[in-house]
């Protein structure tokens, strides 16, 4: 399911217009993104949580030339499914 299909699904399930559903989906995505940018965590009980994990800087190698290089530290968004979501898909 892509973003357009998600908007259509939300519109149908909630009895909204596509424009209203689009606004709702955009608001959710913006809220999650802005919370993660500030180092926060978004938890939806039973469904899952979004958080940022830090990856340490490390040494790597250019696969083409074999030359060593430094891979910088970075923040990575992570999603952890909740119990109800895990049970629903299994």
PDB file of N, CA and C in Angstrom:
ATOM      1  N   UNK A   1       0.853  -1.175   0.000  1.00  0.00           N
ATOM      2  CA  UNK A   1       0.000   0.000   0.000  1.00  0.00           C
ATOM      3  C   UNK A   1       0.893   1.230   0.000  1.00  0.00           C
ATOM      4  N   UNK A   2       0.655   2.113  -0.946  1.00  0.00           N
ATOM      5  CA  UNK A   2       1.411   3.364  -0.973  1.00  0.00           C
ATOM      6  C   UNK A   2       0.594   4.471  -0.296  1.00  0.00           C
ATOM      7  N   UNK A   3       1.138   5.678  -0.274  1.00  0.00           N
ATOM      8  CA  UNK A   3       0.494   6.789   0.431  1.00  0.00           C
ATOM      9  C   UNK A   3      -0.880   7.117  -0.151  1.00  0.00           C
ATOM     10  N   UNK A   4      -1.005   7.117  -1.468  1.00  0.00           N
ATOM     11  CA  UNK A   4      -2.287   7.414  -2.113  1.00  0.00           C
ATOM     12  C   UNK A   4      -3.334   6.367  -1.750  1.00  0.00           C
ATOM     13  N   UNK A   5      -2.932   5.112  -1.750  1.00  0.00           N
ATOM     14  CA  UNK A   5      -3.853   4.032  -1.378  1.00  0.00           C
ATOM     15  C   UNK A   5      -4.243   4.126   0.094  1.00  0.00           C
ATOM     16  N   UNK A   6      -3.294   4.519   0.946  1.00  0.00           N
ATOM     17  CA  UNK A   6      -3.595   4.701   2.367  1.00  0.00           C
ATOM     18  C   UNK A   6      -4.616   5.814   2.560  1.00  0.00           C
ATOM     19  N   UNK A   7      -4.452   6.916   1.857  1.00  0.00           N
ATOM     20  CA  UNK A   7      -5.399   8.034   1.958  1.00  0.00           C
ATOM     21  C   UNK A   7      -6.788   7.592   1.522  1.00  0.00           C
ATOM     22  N   UNK A   8      -6.880   6.857   0.423  1.00  0.00           N
ATOM     23  CA  UNK A   8      -8.178   6.361  -0.056  1.00  0.00           C
ATOM     24  C   UNK A   8      -8.800   5.405   0.958  1.00  0.00           C
ATOM     25  N   UNK A   9      -7.984   4.557   1.582  1.00  0.00           N
ATOM     26  CA  UNK A   9      -8.474   3.616   2.588  1.00  0.00           C
ATOM     27  C   UNK A   9      -9.013   4.356   3.812  1.00  0.00           C
ATOM     28  N   UNK A  10      -8.252   5.338   4.292  1.00  0.00           N
ATOM     29  CA  UNK A  10      -8.681   6.130   5.453  1.00  0.00           C
ATOM     30  C   UNK A  10      -9.971   6.873   5.130  1.00  0.00           C
ATOM     31  N   UNK A  11     -10.057   7.445   3.949  1.00  0.00           N
ATOM     32  CA  UNK A  11     -11.264   8.174   3.540  1.00  0.00           C
ATOM     33  C   UNK A  11     -12.478   7.255   3.554  1.00  0.00           C
ATOM     34  N   UNK A  12     -12.330   6.068   3.014  1.00  0.00           N
ATOM     35  CA  UNK A  12     -13.447   5.123   2.945  1.00  0.00           C
ATOM     36  C   UNK A  12     -13.849   4.631   4.335  1.00  0.00           C
ATOM     37  N   UNK A  13     -12.863   4.230   5.151  1.00  0.00           N
ATOM     38  CA  UNK A  13     -13.152   3.684   6.484  1.00  0.00           C
ATOM     39  C   UNK A  13     -13.742   4.726   7.429  1.00  0.00           C
ATOM     40  N   UNK A  14     -13.271   5.970   7.325  1.00  0.00           N
ATOM     41  CA  UNK A  14     -13.716   7.018   8.247  1.00  0.00           C
ATOM     42  C   UNK A  14     -14.855   7.855   7.683  1.00  0.00           C
ATOM     43  N   UNK A  15     -15.260   7.593   6.451  1.00  0.00           N
ATOM     44  CA  UNK A  15     -16.331   8.366   5.841  1.00  0.00           C
ATOM     45  C   UNK A  15     -15.927   9.802   5.571  1.00  0.00           C
ATOM     46  N   UNK A  16     -14.689   9.991   5.158  1.00  0.00           N
ATOM     47  CA  UNK A  16     -14.164  11.330   4.888  1.00  0.00           C
ATOM     48  C   UNK A  16     -13.960  11.518   3.388  1.00  0.00           C
ATOM     49  N   UNK A  17     -13.777  12.759   3.007  1.00  0.00           N
ATOM     50  CA  UNK A  17     -13.375  13.018   1.626  1.00  0.00           C
ATOM     51  C   UNK A  17     -11.888  12.685   1.507  1.00  0.00           C
ATOM     52  N   UNK A  18     -11.432  12.506   0.284  1.00  0.00           N
ATOM     53  CA  UNK A  18     -10.003  12.242   0.088  1.00  0.00           C
ATOM     54  C   UNK A  18      -9.153  13.406   0.590  1.00  0.00           C
ATOM     55  N   UNK A  19      -9.650  14.635   0.445  1.00  0.00           N
ATOM     56  CA  UNK A  19      -8.906  15.809   0.911  1.00  0.00           C
ATOM     57  C   UNK A  19      -8.760  15.792   2.432  1.00  0.00           C
ATOM     58  N   UNK A  20      -9.844  15.453   3.143  1.00  0.00           N
ATOM     59  CA  UNK A  20      -9.790  15.390   4.607  1.00  0.00           C
ATOM     60  C   UNK A  20      -8.880  14.261   5.068  1.00  0.00           C
ATOM     61  N   UNK A  21      -8.991  13.121   4.412  1.00  0.00           N
ATOM     62  CA  UNK A  21      -8.146  11.983   4.769  1.00  0.00           C
ATOM     63  C   UNK A  21      -6.679  12.300   4.488  1.00  0.00           C
ATOM     64  N   UNK A  22      -6.425  12.998   3.394  1.00  0.00           N
ATOM     65  CA  UNK A  22      -5.059  13.388   3.059  1.00  0.00           C
ATOM     66  C   UNK A  22      -4.487  14.303   4.138  1.00  0.00           C
ATOM     67  N   UNK A  23      -5.296  15.240   4.611  1.00  0.00           N
ATOM     68  CA  UNK A  23      -4.855  16.139   5.681  1.00  0.00           C
ATOM     69  C   UNK A  23      -4.553  15.365   6.954  1.00  0.00           C
ATOM     70  N   UNK A  24      -5.388  14.384   7.270  1.00  0.00           N
ATOM     71  CA  UNK A  24      -5.186  13.579   8.476  1.00  0.00           C
ATOM     72  C   UNK A  24      -3.905  12.754   8.376  1.00  0.00           C
ATOM     73  N   UNK A  25      -3.694  12.120   7.243  1.00  0.00           N
ATOM     74  CA  UNK A  25      -2.488  11.306   7.053  1.00  0.00           C
ATOM     75  C   UNK A  25      -1.248  12.194   7.096  1.00  0.00           C
ATOM     76  N   UNK A  26      -1.294  13.339   6.436  1.00  0.00           N
ATOM     77  CA  UNK A  26      -0.163  14.274   6.447  1.00  0.00           C
ATOM     78  C   UNK A  26       0.126  14.764   7.863  1.00  0.00           C
ATOM     79  N   UNK A  27      -0.926  15.055   8.633  1.00  0.00           N
ATOM     80  CA  UNK A  27      -0.743  15.518  10.010  1.00  0.00           C
ATOM     81  C   UNK A  27      -0.072  14.436  10.852  1.00  0.00           C
ATOM     82  N   UNK A  28      -0.488  13.185  10.675  1.00  0.00           N
ATOM     83  CA  UNK A  28       0.122  12.075  11.408  1.00  0.00           C
ATOM     84  C   UNK A  28       1.605  11.953  11.051  1.00  0.00           C
ATOM     85  N   UNK A  29       1.905  11.955   9.762  1.00  0.00           N
ATOM     86  CA  UNK A  29       3.292  11.807   9.325  1.00  0.00           C
ATOM     87  C   UNK A  29       4.158  12.972   9.792  1.00  0.00           C
ATOM     88  N   UNK A  30       3.613  14.184   9.733  1.00  0.00           N
ATOM     89  CA  UNK A  30       4.345  15.360  10.193  1.00  0.00           C
ATOM     90  C   UNK A  30       4.593  15.289  11.695  1.00  0.00           C
ATOM     91  N   UNK A  31       3.585  14.851  12.444  1.00  0.00           N
ATOM     92  CA  UNK A  31       3.734  14.722  13.890  1.00  0.00           C
ATOM     93  C   UNK A  31       4.797  13.709  14.277  1.00  0.00           C
ATOM     94  N   UNK A  32       4.792  12.565  13.621  1.00  0.00           N
ATOM     95  CA  UNK A  32       5.798  11.535  13.903  1.00  0.00           C
ATOM     96  C   UNK A  32       7.188  12.054  13.546  1.00  0.00           C
ATOM     97  N   UNK A  33       7.313  12.656  12.373  1.00  0.00           N
ATOM     98  CA  UNK A  33       8.614  13.159  11.921  1.00  0.00           C
ATOM     99  C   UNK A  33       9.159  14.227  12.857  1.00  0.00           C
ATOM    100  N   UNK A  34       8.330  15.194  13.228  1.00  0.00           N
ATOM    101  CA  UNK A  34       8.818  16.280  14.088  1.00  0.00           C
ATOM    102  C   UNK A  34       9.174  15.770  15.480  1.00  0.00           C
ATOM    103  N   UNK A  35       8.432  14.793  15.985  1.00  0.00           N
ATOM    104  CA  UNK A  35       8.753  14.220  17.291  1.00  0.00           C
ATOM    105  C   UNK A  35      10.083  13.482  17.239  1.00  0.00           C
ATOM    106  N   UNK A  36      10.304  12.710  16.189  1.00  0.00           N
ATOM    107  CA  UNK A  36      11.563  11.975  16.058  1.00  0.00           C
ATOM    108  C   UNK A  36      12.745  12.917  15.849  1.00  0.00           C
ATOM    109  N   UNK A  37      12.532  14.018  15.134  1.00  0.00           N
ATOM    110  CA  UNK A  37      13.606  14.995  14.914  1.00  0.00           C
ATOM    111  C   UNK A  37      14.106  15.577  16.224  1.00  0.00           C
ATOM    112  N   UNK A  38      13.212  15.742  17.192  1.00  0.00           N
ATOM    113  CA  UNK A  38      13.594  16.324  18.477  1.00  0.00           C
ATOM    114  C   UNK A  38      14.034  15.260  19.480  1.00  0.00           C
ATOM    115  N   UNK A  39      14.163  14.016  19.022  1.00  0.00           N
ATOM    116  CA  UNK A  39      14.640  12.950  19.901  1.00  0.00           C
ATOM    117  C   UNK A  39      13.554  12.260  20.690  1.00  0.00           C
ATOM    118  N   UNK A  40      12.296  12.557  20.397  1.00  0.00           N
ATOM    119  CA  UNK A  40      11.189  11.945  21.119  1.00  0.00           C
ATOM    120  C   UNK A  40      10.822  10.573  20.585  1.00  0.00           C
ATOM    121  N   UNK A  41       9.810   9.998  21.190  1.00  0.00           N
ATOM    122  CA  UNK A  41       9.321   8.672  20.821  1.00  0.00           C
ATOM    123  C   UNK A  41       7.811   8.754  20.645  1.00  0.00           C
ATOM    124  N   UNK A  42       7.285   8.074  19.639  1.00  0.00           N
ATOM    125  CA  UNK A  42       5.843   8.017  19.408  1.00  0.00           C
ATOM    126  C   UNK A  42       5.407   6.587  19.666  1.00  0.00           C
ATOM    127  N   UNK A  43       4.533   6.394  20.643  1.00  0.00           N
ATOM    128  CA  UNK A  43       4.066   5.051  20.990  1.00  0.00           C
ATOM    129  C   UNK A  43       2.553   4.980  20.841  1.00  0.00           C
ATOM    130  N   UNK A  44       2.099   3.989  20.104  1.00  0.00           N
ATOM    131  CA  UNK A  44       0.673   3.721  19.949  1.00  0.00           C
ATOM    132  C   UNK A  44       0.449   2.354  20.574  1.00  0.00           C
ATOM    133  N   UNK A  45      -0.172   2.353  21.746  1.00  0.00           N
ATOM    134  CA  UNK A  45      -0.318   1.138  22.539  1.00  0.00           C
ATOM    135  C   UNK A  45      -0.926   0.013  21.709  1.00  0.00           C
ATOM    136  N   UNK A  46      -0.268  -1.131  21.736  1.00  0.00           N
ATOM    137  CA  UNK A  46      -0.744  -2.312  21.037  1.00  0.00           C
ATOM    138  C   UNK A  46      -0.349  -2.363  19.576  1.00  0.00           C
ATOM    139  N   UNK A  47      -0.098  -1.218  18.971  1.00  0.00           N
ATOM    140  CA  UNK A  47       0.221  -1.194  17.549  1.00  0.00           C
ATOM    141  C   UNK A  47       1.721  -1.120  17.301  1.00  0.00           C
ATOM    142  N   UNK A  48       2.411  -0.213  18.008  1.00  0.00           N
ATOM    143  CA  UNK A  48       3.856  -0.122  17.858  1.00  0.00           C
ATOM    144  C   UNK A  48       4.395   1.229  18.272  1.00  0.00           C
ATOM    145  N   UNK A  49       5.699   1.379  18.131  1.00  0.00           N
ATOM    146  CA  UNK A  49       6.325   2.647  18.497  1.00  0.00           C
ATOM    147  C   UNK A  49       7.412   3.019  17.493  1.00  0.00           C
ATOM    148  N   UNK A  50       7.575   4.316  17.337  1.00  0.00           N
ATOM    149  CA  UNK A  50       8.616   4.883  16.491  1.00  0.00           C
ATOM    150  C   UNK A  50       9.616   5.556  17.414  1.00  0.00           C
ATOM    151  N   UNK A  51      10.904   5.343  17.161  1.00  0.00           N
ATOM    152  CA  UNK A  51      11.938   6.001  17.941  1.00  0.00           C
ATOM    153  C   UNK A  51      13.193   6.149  17.093  1.00  0.00           C
ATOM    154  N   UNK A  52      14.136   6.929  17.593  1.00  0.00           N
ATOM    155  CA  UNK A  52      15.392   7.141  16.888  1.00  0.00           C
ATOM    156  C   UNK A  52      16.486   6.388  17.627  1.00  0.00           C
ATOM    157  N   UNK A  53      17.279   5.627  16.879  1.00  0.00           N
ATOM    158  CA  UNK A  53      18.443   4.958  17.460  1.00  0.00           C
ATOM    159  C   UNK A  53      19.689   5.576  16.847  1.00  0.00           C
ATOM    160  N   UNK A  54      20.745   5.619  17.626  1.00  0.00           N
ATOM    161  CA  UNK A  54      21.995   6.204  17.155  1.00  0.00           C
ATOM    162  C   UNK A  54      22.941   5.083  16.720  1.00  0.00           C
ATOM    163  N   UNK A  55      23.517   5.249  15.544  1.00  0.00           N
ATOM    164  CA  UNK A  55      24.523   4.320  15.053  1.00  0.00           C
ATOM    165  C   UNK A  55      25.881   4.980  15.247  1.00  0.00           C
ATOM    166  N   UNK A  56      26.819   4.262  15.848  1.00  0.00           N
ATOM    167  CA  UNK A  56      28.147   4.814  16.099  1.00  0.00           C
ATOM    168  C   UNK A  56      28.930   4.963  14.798  1.00  0.00           C
ATOM    169  N   UNK A  57      29.883   5.875  14.827  1.00  0.00           N
ATOM    170  CA  UNK A  57      30.805   6.009  13.694  1.00  0.00           C
ATOM    171  C   UNK A  57      31.633   4.730  13.622  1.00  0.00           C
ATOM    172  N   UNK A  58      31.990   4.348  12.412  1.00  0.00           N
ATOM    173  CA  UNK A  58      32.772   3.118  12.267  1.00  0.00           C
ATOM    174  C   UNK A  58      33.656   3.211  11.033  1.00  0.00           C
ATOM    175  N   UNK A  59      34.578   2.300  10.968  1.00  0.00           N
ATOM    176  CA  UNK A  59      35.451   2.213   9.804  1.00  0.00           C
ATOM    177  C   UNK A  59      34.813   1.283   8.793  1.00  0.00           C
ATOM    178  N   UNK A  60      34.931   1.640   7.531  1.00  0.00           N
ATOM    179  CA  UNK A  60      34.393   0.813   6.466  1.00  0.00           C
ATOM    180  C   UNK A  60      35.385   0.730   5.327  1.00  0.00           C
ATOM    181  N   UNK A  61      34.926   0.192   4.232  1.00  0.00           N
ATOM    182  CA  UNK A  61      35.777   0.036   3.065  1.00  0.00           C
ATOM    183  C   UNK A  61      34.966   0.321   1.813  1.00  0.00           C
ATOM    184  N   UNK A  62      35.559   1.039   0.880  1.00  0.00           N
ATOM    185  CA  UNK A  62      34.924   1.288  -0.402  1.00  0.00           C
ATOM    186  C   UNK A  62      34.883  -0.050  -1.144  1.00  0.00           C
ATOM    187  N   UNK A  63      33.684  -0.547  -1.474  1.00  0.00           N
ATOM    188  CA  UNK A  63      33.609  -1.866  -2.096  1.00  0.00           C
ATOM    189  C   UNK A  63      34.265  -1.932  -3.478  1.00  0.00           C
ATOM    190  N   UNK A  64      34.340  -0.812  -4.153  1.00  0.00           N
ATOM    191  CA  UNK A  64      34.924  -0.811  -5.504  1.00  0.00           C
ATOM    192  C   UNK A  64      36.453  -0.789  -5.471  1.00  0.00           C
ATOM    193  N   UNK A  65      36.998   0.100  -4.622  1.00  0.00           N
ATOM    194  CA  UNK A  65      38.455   0.271  -4.606  1.00  0.00           C
ATOM    195  C   UNK A  65      39.133  -0.445  -3.449  1.00  0.00           C
ATOM    196  N   UNK A  66      38.365  -0.770  -2.414  1.00  0.00           N
ATOM    197  CA  UNK A  66      38.953  -1.404  -1.236  1.00  0.00           C
ATOM    198  C   UNK A  66      39.602  -0.413  -0.290  1.00  0.00           C
ATOM    199  N   UNK A  67      39.536   0.877  -0.610  1.00  0.00           N
ATOM    200  CA  UNK A  67      40.146   1.906   0.234  1.00  0.00           C
ATOM    201  C   UNK A  67      39.363   2.053   1.537  1.00  0.00           C
ATOM    202  N   UNK A  68      40.074   2.158   2.674  1.00  0.00           N
ATOM    203  CA  UNK A  68      39.376   2.360   3.948  1.00  0.00           C
ATOM    204  C   UNK A  68      38.732   3.744   3.996  1.00  0.00           C
ATOM    205  N   UNK A  69      37.610   3.833   4.702  1.00  0.00           N
ATOM    206  CA  UNK A  69      36.941   5.119   4.869  1.00  0.00           C
ATOM    207  C   UNK A  69      36.186   5.139   6.185  1.00  0.00           C
ATOM    208  N   UNK A  70      35.905   6.344   6.654  1.00  0.00           N
ATOM    209  CA  UNK A  70      35.148   6.531   7.897  1.00  0.00           C
ATOM    210  C   UNK A  70      33.674   6.668   7.557  1.00  0.00           C
ATOM    211  N   UNK A  71      32.846   5.894   8.229  1.00  0.00           N
ATOM    212  CA  UNK A  71      31.398   6.020   8.095  1.00  0.00           C
ATOM    213  C   UNK A  71      30.937   6.802   9.320  1.00  0.00           C
ATOM    214  N   UNK A  72      30.347   7.986   9.128  1.00  0.00           N
ATOM    215  CA  UNK A  72      30.000   8.837  10.271  1.00  0.00           C
ATOM    216  C   UNK A  72      28.839   8.273  11.097  1.00  0.00           C
ATOM    217  N   UNK A  73      28.755   8.741  12.337  1.00  0.00           N
ATOM    218  CA  UNK A  73      27.626   8.391  13.205  1.00  0.00           C
ATOM    219  C   UNK A  73      26.367   9.002  12.618  1.00  0.00           C
ATOM    220  N   UNK A  74      25.234   8.351  12.868  1.00  0.00           N
ATOM    221  CA  UNK A  74      23.975   8.898  12.344  1.00  0.00           C
ATOM    222  C   UNK A  74      22.802   8.428  13.184  1.00  0.00           C
ATOM    223  N   UNK A  75      21.696   9.126  13.031  1.00  0.00           N
ATOM    224  CA  UNK A  75      20.450   8.756  13.689  1.00  0.00           C
ATOM    225  C   UNK A  75      19.589   7.983  12.700  1.00  0.00           C
ATOM    226  N   UNK A  76      18.989   6.899  13.156  1.00  0.00           N
ATOM    227  CA  UNK A  76      18.146   6.069  12.298  1.00  0.00           C
ATOM    228  C   UNK A  76      16.764   5.911  12.915  1.00  0.00           C
ATOM    229  N   UNK A  77      15.712   6.172  12.154  1.00  0.00           N
ATOM    230  CA  UNK A  77      14.366   5.930  12.678  1.00  0.00           C
ATOM    231  C   UNK A  77      14.104   4.425  12.735  1.00  0.00           C
ATOM    232  N   UNK A  78      13.438   3.993  13.789  1.00  0.00           N
ATOM    233  CA  UNK A  78      13.103   2.581  13.954  1.00  0.00           C
ATOM    234  C   UNK A  78      11.634   2.455  14.320  1.00  0.00           C
ATOM    235  N   UNK A  79      11.020   1.387  13.829  1.00  0.00           N
ATOM    236  CA  UNK A  79       9.649   1.056  14.216  1.00  0.00           C
ATOM    237  C   UNK A  79       9.681  -0.296  14.890  1.00  0.00           C
ATOM    238  N   UNK A  80       9.043  -0.381  16.041  1.00  0.00           N
ATOM    239  CA  UNK A  80       8.930  -1.652  16.747  1.00  0.00           C
ATOM    240  C   UNK A  80       7.454  -1.994  16.869  1.00  0.00           C
ATOM    241  N   UNK A  81       7.039  -3.100  16.273  1.00  0.00           N
ATOM    242  CA  UNK A  81       5.625  -3.464  16.329  1.00  0.00           C
ATOM    243  C   UNK A  81       5.210  -3.869  17.738  1.00  0.00           C
ATOM    244  N   UNK A  82       3.955  -3.560  18.078  1.00  0.00           N
ATOM    245  CA  UNK A  82       3.395  -3.939  19.362  1.00  0.00           C
ATOM    246  C   UNK A  82       2.811  -5.345  19.315  1.00  0.00           C
ATOM    247  N   UNK A  83       2.396  -5.822  20.458  1.00  0.00           N
ATOM    248  CA  UNK A  83       1.890  -7.189  20.590  1.00  0.00           C
ATOM    249  C   UNK A  83       0.674  -7.443  19.700  1.00  0.00           C
ATOM    250  N   UNK A  84      -0.289  -6.530  19.707  1.00  0.00           N
ATOM    251  CA  UNK A  84      -1.509  -6.730  18.915  1.00  0.00           C
ATOM    252  C   UNK A  84      -1.213  -6.773  17.418  1.00  0.00           C
ATOM    253  N   UNK A  85      -0.313  -5.932  16.952  1.00  0.00           N
ATOM    254  CA  UNK A  85       0.048  -5.928  15.532  1.00  0.00           C
ATOM    255  C   UNK A  85       0.760  -7.226  15.161  1.00  0.00           C
ATOM    256  N   UNK A  86       1.656  -7.679  16.019  1.00  0.00           N
ATOM    257  CA  UNK A  86       2.356  -8.945  15.765  1.00  0.00           C
ATOM    258  C   UNK A  86       1.368 -10.105  15.669  1.00  0.00           C
ATOM    259  N   UNK A  87       0.411 -10.120  16.588  1.00  0.00           N
ATOM    260  CA  UNK A  87      -0.585 -11.203  16.587  1.00  0.00           C
ATOM    261  C   UNK A  87      -1.498 -11.123  15.369  1.00  0.00           C
ATOM    262  N   UNK A  88      -1.812  -9.919  14.923  1.00  0.00           N
ATOM    263  CA  UNK A  88      -2.719  -9.742  13.788  1.00  0.00           C
ATOM    264  C   UNK A  88      -2.121 -10.256  12.482  1.00  0.00           C
ATOM    265  N   UNK A  89      -0.813 -10.155  12.330  1.00  0.00           N
ATOM    266  CA  UNK A  89      -0.194 -10.591  11.078  1.00  0.00           C
ATOM    267  C   UNK A  89       0.273 -12.043  11.112  1.00  0.00           C
ATOM    268  N   UNK A  90       0.189 -12.677  12.255  1.00  0.00           N
ATOM    269  CA  UNK A  90       0.599 -14.087  12.355  1.00  0.00           C
ATOM    270  C   UNK A  90      -0.572 -15.006  12.547  1.00  0.00           C
TER     271      UNK A  90
END
